[in-house]
Amino acid sequence: MRAHQIMTRSVITIKPGATIVEAADIMLQRHVSGLPVVDETDRLVGVVSEGDLIRRSEIGTQRKRGRWLKFLLGPGQSATDFVHEHGRRVSEVMTRSPLTITEDTPLVEIADLMEKNNIKRLPVVRGDKVVGIVSRANLMQAVVSLASEVPAPNAADDHIRIGIIEALEKKDWSPSGLNVIVRDGTVFLNGVINDERARQAAVVAAENVQGVKKVCDQMSSVDVSYGVE
């Protein structure tokens, strides 16, 4: 399998000039742990994640380096730490020039990149534009959905997947973090819903796409007070 068969196509992005509060709020509200950062032309310029926001002066989690370590690292590292701990804009704390993959990148390469670089997500690019994102969650969804010994995804499955995504992603009740996996006409729906009525609507929308044999609901519901169930 390749990236385009499991990636989340409806990517939530943020601009470099946004505040870190706005970035954190989007991550919390949309149940994602990182955001691709794009400029005014939608060109990928970085990634901001939860990890970029945990060492912050507001909550007293700044790095406390010993005198000798500060000496060894030099003033440059201290300056970098200060920016990450006190920066107000996404551009000041984001990871620049992030690792990326293409739609045709095999899953084994994606897993290797995540493991070797200790990262949780990889933007999928076409040229310099973001067209999707593959997260560890997407890989886990593929494992759960496709572990049984059935035929590998084929061209018809890819066509069905695109049809379902197009049918769902514009709806105001579409699951957050929507991901669709199709194998031999069987559809596996993943995402987060805030209203149980959206679950049935998403299943019905998928069932109405030509070629669908069965829809497996793997969506999670959210209680705004307690998080993902």
C-alpha atoms as a PDB file:
ATOM      1  CA  MET A   1       0.000   0.000   0.000  1.00  0.00           C
ATOM      2  CA  ARG A   2       0.982   3.600  -0.575  1.00  0.00           C
ATOM      3  CA  ALA A   3       0.357   6.941   1.113  1.00  0.00           C
ATOM      4  CA  HIS A   4      -2.594   7.968  -1.067  1.00  0.00           C
ATOM      5  CA  GLN A   5      -4.530   4.872   0.040  1.00  0.00           C
ATOM      6  CA  ILE A   6      -4.539   5.765   3.742  1.00  0.00           C
ATOM      7  CA  MET A   7      -3.761   9.491   4.009  1.00  0.00           C
ATOM      8  CA  THR A   8      -6.154  12.062   5.417  1.00  0.00           C
ATOM      9  CA  ARG A   9      -6.978  14.344   2.493  1.00  0.00           C
ATOM     10  CA  SER A  10      -8.832  17.110   4.305  1.00  0.00           C
ATOM     11  CA  VAL A  11      -5.773  18.638   5.952  1.00  0.00           C
ATOM     12  CA  ILE A  12      -6.099  21.244   8.691  1.00  0.00           C
ATOM     13  CA  THR A  13      -3.374  23.857   8.173  1.00  0.00           C
ATOM     14  CA  ILE A  14      -2.301  27.103   9.812  1.00  0.00           C
ATOM     15  CA  LYS A  15      -0.461  30.242   8.703  1.00  0.00           C
ATOM     16  CA  PRO A  16       2.996  31.241  10.034  1.00  0.00           C
ATOM     17  CA  GLY A  17       1.604  34.485  11.461  1.00  0.00           C
ATOM     18  CA  ALA A  18      -1.018  32.771  13.617  1.00  0.00           C
ATOM     19  CA  THR A  19      -0.502  32.866  17.368  1.00  0.00           C
ATOM     20  CA  ILE A  20       0.519  29.800  19.341  1.00  0.00           C
ATOM     21  CA  VAL A  21      -2.759  30.111  21.239  1.00  0.00           C
ATOM     22  CA  GLU A  22      -4.650  29.792  17.954  1.00  0.00           C
ATOM     23  CA  ALA A  23      -2.533  26.755  17.007  1.00  0.00           C
ATOM     24  CA  ALA A  24      -3.134  25.060  20.355  1.00  0.00           C
ATOM     25  CA  ASP A  25      -6.852  25.800  20.176  1.00  0.00           C
ATOM     26  CA  ILE A  26      -7.154  24.272  16.695  1.00  0.00           C
ATOM     27  CA  MET A  27      -5.300  21.141  17.798  1.00  0.00           C
ATOM     28  CA  LEU A  28      -7.595  20.740  20.792  1.00  0.00           C
ATOM     29  CA  GLN A  29     -10.801  21.475  18.918  1.00  0.00           C
ATOM     30  CA  ARG A  30      -9.963  19.282  15.906  1.00  0.00           C
ATOM     31  CA  HIS A  31      -8.324  16.464  17.879  1.00  0.00           C
ATOM     32  CA  VAL A  32      -5.005  16.563  16.023  1.00  0.00           C
ATOM     33  CA  SER A  33      -1.491  16.665  17.449  1.00  0.00           C
ATOM     34  CA  GLY A  34       0.152  18.715  14.709  1.00  0.00           C
ATOM     35  CA  LEU A  35      -0.538  21.172  11.893  1.00  0.00           C
ATOM     36  CA  PRO A  36       1.232  21.798   8.569  1.00  0.00           C
ATOM     37  CA  VAL A  37       2.149  25.466   8.284  1.00  0.00           C
ATOM     38  CA  VAL A  38       1.497  27.011   4.855  1.00  0.00           C
ATOM     39  CA  ASP A  39       2.164  30.473   3.471  1.00  0.00           C
ATOM     40  CA  GLU A  40      -0.237  32.711   1.528  1.00  0.00           C
ATOM     41  CA  THR A  41       0.267  30.604  -1.618  1.00  0.00           C
ATOM     42  CA  ASP A  42      -0.438  27.382   0.335  1.00  0.00           C
ATOM     43  CA  ARG A  43       3.214  26.337   0.063  1.00  0.00           C
ATOM     44  CA  LEU A  44       4.415  24.165   2.954  1.00  0.00           C
ATOM     45  CA  VAL A  45       6.873  26.087   5.125  1.00  0.00           C
ATOM     46  CA  GLY A  46       6.855  24.088   8.357  1.00  0.00           C
ATOM     47  CA  VAL A  47       5.008  21.969  10.889  1.00  0.00           C
ATOM     48  CA  VAL A  48       3.887  22.908  14.393  1.00  0.00           C
ATOM     49  CA  SER A  49       3.054  20.159  16.867  1.00  0.00           C
ATOM     50  CA  GLU A  50       2.224  19.568  20.502  1.00  0.00           C
ATOM     51  CA  GLY A  51       5.921  18.959  21.083  1.00  0.00           C
ATOM     52  CA  ASP A  52       6.692  22.530  20.000  1.00  0.00           C
ATOM     53  CA  LEU A  53       4.374  23.904  22.688  1.00  0.00           C
ATOM     54  CA  ILE A  54       5.279  21.932  25.803  1.00  0.00           C
ATOM     55  CA  ARG A  55       8.304  24.045  26.837  1.00  0.00           C
ATOM     56  CA  ARG A  56       6.563  27.330  27.548  1.00  0.00           C
ATOM     57  CA  SER A  57       7.198  30.149  29.988  1.00  0.00           C
ATOM     58  CA  GLU A  58       3.449  30.585  30.627  1.00  0.00           C
ATOM     59  CA  ILE A  59       3.240  27.227  32.377  1.00  0.00           C
ATOM     60  CA  GLY A  60       6.736  27.159  33.854  1.00  0.00           C
ATOM     61  CA  THR A  61       8.087  24.308  31.729  1.00  0.00           C
ATOM     62  CA  GLN A  62      11.164  26.065  30.359  1.00  0.00           C
ATOM     63  CA  ARG A  63      14.302  23.996  29.987  1.00  0.00           C
ATOM     64  CA  LYS A  64      16.556  24.228  33.033  1.00  0.00           C
ATOM     65  CA  ARG A  65      20.078  23.509  31.813  1.00  0.00           C
ATOM     66  CA  GLY A  66      23.046  23.360  34.154  1.00  0.00           C
ATOM     67  CA  ARG A  67      25.849  25.902  33.885  1.00  0.00           C
ATOM     68  CA  TRP A  68      28.286  23.467  32.244  1.00  0.00           C
ATOM     69  CA  LEU A  69      25.719  22.245  29.733  1.00  0.00           C
ATOM     70  CA  LYS A  70      24.920  25.851  28.827  1.00  0.00           C
ATOM     71  CA  PHE A  71      28.633  26.460  28.332  1.00  0.00           C
ATOM     72  CA  LEU A  72      28.996  23.390  26.087  1.00  0.00           C
ATOM     73  CA  LEU A  73      25.924  24.203  24.012  1.00  0.00           C
ATOM     74  CA  GLY A  74      26.830  27.852  23.654  1.00  0.00           C
ATOM     75  CA  PRO A  75      24.735  31.025  23.569  1.00  0.00           C
ATOM     76  CA  GLY A  76      23.133  30.044  20.258  1.00  0.00           C
ATOM     77  CA  GLN A  77      21.229  27.156  21.842  1.00  0.00           C
ATOM     78  CA  SER A  78      20.151  29.369  24.736  1.00  0.00           C
ATOM     79  CA  ALA A  79      18.785  31.858  22.229  1.00  0.00           C
ATOM     80  CA  THR A  80      16.888  29.097  20.414  1.00  0.00           C
ATOM     81  CA  ASP A  81      15.432  27.838  23.694  1.00  0.00           C
ATOM     82  CA  PHE A  82      14.303  31.374  24.573  1.00  0.00           C
ATOM     83  CA  VAL A  83      12.470  31.773  21.257  1.00  0.00           C
ATOM     84  CA  HIS A  84      10.657  28.440  21.688  1.00  0.00           C
ATOM     85  CA  GLU A  85       9.706  29.265  25.269  1.00  0.00           C
ATOM     86  CA  HIS A  86       8.575  32.846  24.666  1.00  0.00           C
ATOM     87  CA  GLY A  87       7.692  33.093  20.965  1.00  0.00           C
ATOM     88  CA  ARG A  88       4.176  34.314  20.276  1.00  0.00           C
ATOM     89  CA  ARG A  89       3.782  33.244  16.635  1.00  0.00           C
ATOM     90  CA  VAL A  90       3.725  29.864  14.925  1.00  0.00           C
ATOM     91  CA  SER A  91       6.650  30.916  12.729  1.00  0.00           C
ATOM     92  CA  GLU A  92       8.803  31.291  15.841  1.00  0.00           C
ATOM     93  CA  VAL A  93       8.260  27.798  17.240  1.00  0.00           C
ATOM     94  CA  MET A  94       7.500  25.625  14.207  1.00  0.00           C
ATOM     95  CA  THR A  95       9.820  23.020  12.719  1.00  0.00           C
ATOM     96  CA  ARG A  96      11.110  24.405   9.429  1.00  0.00           C
ATOM     97  CA  SER A  97      11.816  22.303   6.333  1.00  0.00           C
ATOM     98  CA  PRO A  98       9.893  19.293   7.674  1.00  0.00           C
ATOM     99  CA  LEU A  99      10.210  15.802   6.282  1.00  0.00           C
ATOM    100  CA  THR A 100       7.581  15.092   3.629  1.00  0.00           C
ATOM    101  CA  ILE A 101       6.379  12.206   1.481  1.00  0.00           C
ATOM    102  CA  THR A 102       4.534  11.895  -1.828  1.00  0.00           C
ATOM    103  CA  GLU A 103       1.275  10.157  -2.616  1.00  0.00           C
ATOM    104  CA  ASP A 104       3.198   7.157  -3.988  1.00  0.00           C
ATOM    105  CA  THR A 105       5.447   6.633  -0.961  1.00  0.00           C
ATOM    106  CA  PRO A 106       5.120   2.997   0.245  1.00  0.00           C
ATOM    107  CA  LEU A 107       3.894   2.483   3.796  1.00  0.00           C
ATOM    108  CA  VAL A 108       7.108   0.710   4.768  1.00  0.00           C
ATOM    109  CA  GLU A 109       9.088   3.877   3.931  1.00  0.00           C
ATOM    110  CA  ILE A 110       6.623   5.982   5.896  1.00  0.00           C
ATOM    111  CA  ALA A 111       6.959   3.743   8.947  1.00  0.00           C
ATOM    112  CA  ASP A 112      10.770   3.860   8.646  1.00  0.00           C
ATOM    113  CA  LEU A 113      10.779   7.679   8.465  1.00  0.00           C
ATOM    114  CA  MET A 114       8.519   8.007  11.496  1.00  0.00           C
ATOM    115  CA  GLU A 115      10.548   5.541  13.528  1.00  0.00           C
ATOM    116  CA  LYS A 116      14.005   6.878  12.622  1.00  0.00           C
ATOM    117  CA  ASN A 117      13.042  10.524  13.149  1.00  0.00           C
ATOM    118  CA  ASN A 118      10.670   9.990  16.088  1.00  0.00           C
ATOM    119  CA  ILE A 119       7.818  11.894  14.436  1.00  0.00           C
ATOM    120  CA  LYS A 120       4.086  11.273  14.505  1.00  0.00           C
ATOM    121  CA  ARG A 121       2.991  12.614  11.137  1.00  0.00           C
ATOM    122  CA  LEU A 122       4.248  13.299   7.611  1.00  0.00           C
ATOM    123  CA  PRO A 123       2.743  15.854   5.223  1.00  0.00           C
ATOM    124  CA  VAL A 124       1.981  14.446   1.776  1.00  0.00           C
ATOM    125  CA  VAL A 125       3.015  16.906  -0.927  1.00  0.00           C
ATOM    126  CA  ARG A 126       2.494  17.294  -4.650  1.00  0.00           C
ATOM    127  CA  GLY A 127       5.241  19.677  -5.656  1.00  0.00           C
ATOM    128  CA  ASP A 128       5.352  22.107  -2.724  1.00  0.00           C
ATOM    129  CA  LYS A 129       1.610  21.947  -1.935  1.00  0.00           C
ATOM    130  CA  VAL A 130       0.113  19.814   0.836  1.00  0.00           C
ATOM    131  CA  VAL A 131      -2.446  17.302  -0.483  1.00  0.00           C
ATOM    132  CA  GLY A 132      -2.740  15.086   2.588  1.00  0.00           C
ATOM    133  CA  ILE A 133      -1.174  13.911   5.797  1.00  0.00           C
ATOM    134  CA  VAL A 134      -0.252  10.477   7.109  1.00  0.00           C
ATOM    135  CA  SER A 135      -0.111  10.059  10.869  1.00  0.00           C
ATOM    136  CA  ARG A 136       0.688   7.144  13.112  1.00  0.00           C
ATOM    137  CA  ALA A 137      -3.055   6.926  13.663  1.00  0.00           C
ATOM    138  CA  ASN A 138      -3.572   6.412   9.915  1.00  0.00           C
ATOM    139  CA  LEU A 139      -1.112   3.508   9.996  1.00  0.00           C
ATOM    140  CA  MET A 140      -2.868   1.997  12.993  1.00  0.00           C
ATOM    141  CA  GLN A 141      -6.232   2.379  11.265  1.00  0.00           C
ATOM    142  CA  ALA A 142      -4.817   0.503   8.276  1.00  0.00           C
ATOM    143  CA  VAL A 143      -3.599  -2.300  10.546  1.00  0.00           C
ATOM    144  CA  VAL A 144      -6.985  -2.636  12.229  1.00  0.00           C
ATOM    145  CA  SER A 145      -8.938  -2.375   8.998  1.00  0.00           C
ATOM    146  CA  LEU A 146      -6.791  -4.466   6.706  1.00  0.00           C
ATOM    147  CA  ALA A 147      -5.222  -7.138   8.902  1.00  0.00           C
ATOM    148  CA  SER A 148      -7.545  -9.849   7.588  1.00  0.00           C
ATOM    149  CA  GLU A 149      -6.404 -11.756   4.549  1.00  0.00           C
ATOM    150  CA  VAL A 150      -8.453 -10.141   1.784  1.00  0.00           C
ATOM    151  CA  PRO A 151      -7.235  -8.786  -1.581  1.00  0.00           C
ATOM    152  CA  ALA A 152      -5.054  -5.679  -1.547  1.00  0.00           C
ATOM    153  CA  PRO A 153      -6.653  -2.368  -2.515  1.00  0.00           C
ATOM    154  CA  ASN A 154      -7.126  -2.033  -6.280  1.00  0.00           C
ATOM    155  CA  ALA A 155      -7.987   0.754  -8.719  1.00  0.00           C
ATOM    156  CA  ALA A 156     -11.722   0.316  -8.070  1.00  0.00           C
ATOM    157  CA  ASP A 157     -11.128   0.658  -4.333  1.00  0.00           C
ATOM    158  CA  ASP A 158      -9.180   3.874  -4.904  1.00  0.00           C
ATOM    159  CA  HIS A 159     -12.051   5.245  -7.005  1.00  0.00           C
ATOM    160  CA  ILE A 160     -14.557   4.389  -4.261  1.00  0.00           C
ATOM    161  CA  ARG A 161     -12.352   6.036  -1.611  1.00  0.00           C
ATOM    162  CA  ILE A 162     -12.140   9.287  -3.569  1.00  0.00           C
ATOM    163  CA  GLY A 163     -15.921   9.261  -4.098  1.00  0.00           C
ATOM    164  CA  ILE A 164     -16.625   8.835  -0.393  1.00  0.00           C
ATOM    165  CA  ILE A 165     -14.198  11.581   0.608  1.00  0.00           C
ATOM    166  CA  GLU A 166     -15.774  13.959  -1.917  1.00  0.00           C
ATOM    167  CA  ALA A 167     -19.233  13.072  -0.619  1.00  0.00           C
ATOM    168  CA  LEU A 168     -18.277  13.735   3.007  1.00  0.00           C
ATOM    169  CA  GLU A 169     -15.591  16.379   3.336  1.00  0.00           C
ATOM    170  CA  LYS A 170     -17.776  19.385   2.404  1.00  0.00           C
ATOM    171  CA  LYS A 171     -20.543  18.511   4.866  1.00  0.00           C
ATOM    172  CA  ASP A 172     -20.723  20.509   8.095  1.00  0.00           C
ATOM    173  CA  TRP A 173     -21.237  17.234   9.990  1.00  0.00           C
ATOM    174  CA  SER A 174     -18.290  15.464   8.370  1.00  0.00           C
ATOM    175  CA  PRO A 175     -16.098  13.639  10.928  1.00  0.00           C
ATOM    176  CA  SER A 176     -13.035  15.550  12.068  1.00  0.00           C
ATOM    177  CA  GLY A 177      -9.824  13.895  10.860  1.00  0.00           C
ATOM    178  CA  LEU A 178     -11.822  11.929   8.286  1.00  0.00           C
ATOM    179  CA  ASN A 179      -9.972   8.928   6.907  1.00  0.00           C
ATOM    180  CA  VAL A 180     -11.379   6.329   4.557  1.00  0.00           C
ATOM    181  CA  ILE A 181      -9.854   2.956   3.730  1.00  0.00           C
ATOM    182  CA  VAL A 182     -11.382   0.690   1.101  1.00  0.00           C
ATOM    183  CA  ARG A 183     -10.528  -2.920   0.469  1.00  0.00           C
ATOM    184  CA  ASP A 184     -12.376  -5.117  -2.024  1.00  0.00           C
ATOM    185  CA  GLY A 185     -15.389  -2.791  -1.814  1.00  0.00           C
ATOM    186  CA  THR A 186     -15.514  -2.824   1.987  1.00  0.00           C
ATOM    187  CA  VAL A 187     -15.252   0.669   3.459  1.00  0.00           C
ATOM    188  CA  PHE A 188     -13.678   1.475   6.824  1.00  0.00           C
ATOM    189  CA  LEU A 189     -14.692   4.927   8.099  1.00  0.00           C
ATOM    190  CA  ASN A 190     -12.442   6.623  10.658  1.00  0.00           C
ATOM    191  CA  GLY A 191     -12.723  10.038  12.279  1.00  0.00           C
ATOM    192  CA  VAL A 192     -14.139  11.893  15.252  1.00  0.00           C
ATOM    193  CA  ILE A 193     -17.783  12.980  15.548  1.00  0.00           C
ATOM    194  CA  ASN A 194     -19.383  15.374  18.017  1.00  0.00           C
ATOM    195  CA  ASP A 195     -22.957  14.235  17.422  1.00  0.00           C
ATOM    196  CA  GLU A 196     -24.169  10.644  17.051  1.00  0.00           C
ATOM    197  CA  ARG A 197     -26.501  11.733  14.255  1.00  0.00           C
ATOM    198  CA  ALA A 198     -23.412  12.469  12.179  1.00  0.00           C
ATOM    199  CA  ARG A 199     -22.376   8.820  12.473  1.00  0.00           C
ATOM    200  CA  GLN A 200     -25.463   7.576  10.640  1.00  0.00           C
ATOM    201  CA  ALA A 201     -25.205  10.349   8.068  1.00  0.00           C
ATOM    202  CA  ALA A 202     -21.588   9.449   7.289  1.00  0.00           C
ATOM    203  CA  VAL A 203     -22.429   5.752   6.933  1.00  0.00           C
ATOM    204  CA  VAL A 204     -25.380   6.511   4.633  1.00  0.00           C
ATOM    205  CA  ALA A 205     -23.248   8.831   2.493  1.00  0.00           C
ATOM    206  CA  ALA A 206     -20.645   6.082   2.088  1.00  0.00           C
ATOM    207  CA  GLU A 207     -23.274   3.450   1.288  1.00  0.00           C
ATOM    208  CA  ASN A 208     -24.554   5.615  -1.565  1.00  0.00           C
ATOM    209  CA  VAL A 209     -21.222   5.645  -3.402  1.00  0.00           C
ATOM    210  CA  GLN A 210     -21.236   3.251  -6.324  1.00  0.00           C
ATOM    211  CA  GLY A 211     -19.257   0.059  -5.765  1.00  0.00           C
ATOM    212  CA  VAL A 212     -19.531   0.010  -1.970  1.00  0.00           C
ATOM    213  CA  LYS A 213     -20.376  -3.452  -0.657  1.00  0.00           C
ATOM    214  CA  LYS A 214     -20.194  -2.825   3.074  1.00  0.00           C
ATOM    215  CA  VAL A 215     -19.411   0.044   5.472  1.00  0.00           C
ATOM    216  CA  CYS A 216     -17.543  -0.621   8.718  1.00  0.00           C
ATOM    217  CA  ASP A 217     -18.017   2.203  11.218  1.00  0.00           C
ATOM    218  CA  GLN A 218     -14.781   2.824  13.141  1.00  0.00           C
ATOM    219  CA  MET A 219     -15.552   6.442  14.050  1.00  0.00           C
ATOM    220  CA  SER A 220     -15.009   7.740  17.579  1.00  0.00           C
ATOM    221  CA  SER A 221     -17.454   9.986  19.403  1.00  0.00           C
ATOM    222  CA  VAL A 222     -16.410  12.937  21.513  1.00  0.00           C
ATOM    223  CA  ASP A 223     -17.881  14.300  24.685  1.00  0.00           C
ATOM    224  CA  VAL A 224     -16.711  17.908  24.716  1.00  0.00           C
ATOM    225  CA  SER A 225     -16.169  17.636  28.464  1.00  0.00           C
ATOM    226  CA  TYR A 226     -14.197  14.410  28.527  1.00  0.00           C
ATOM    227  CA  GLY A 227     -12.610  13.946  25.086  1.00  0.00           C
ATOM    228  CA  VAL A 228     -12.486  10.916  22.832  1.00  0.00           C
ATOM    229  CA  GLU A 229     -14.336   7.869  24.060  1.00  0.00           C
END
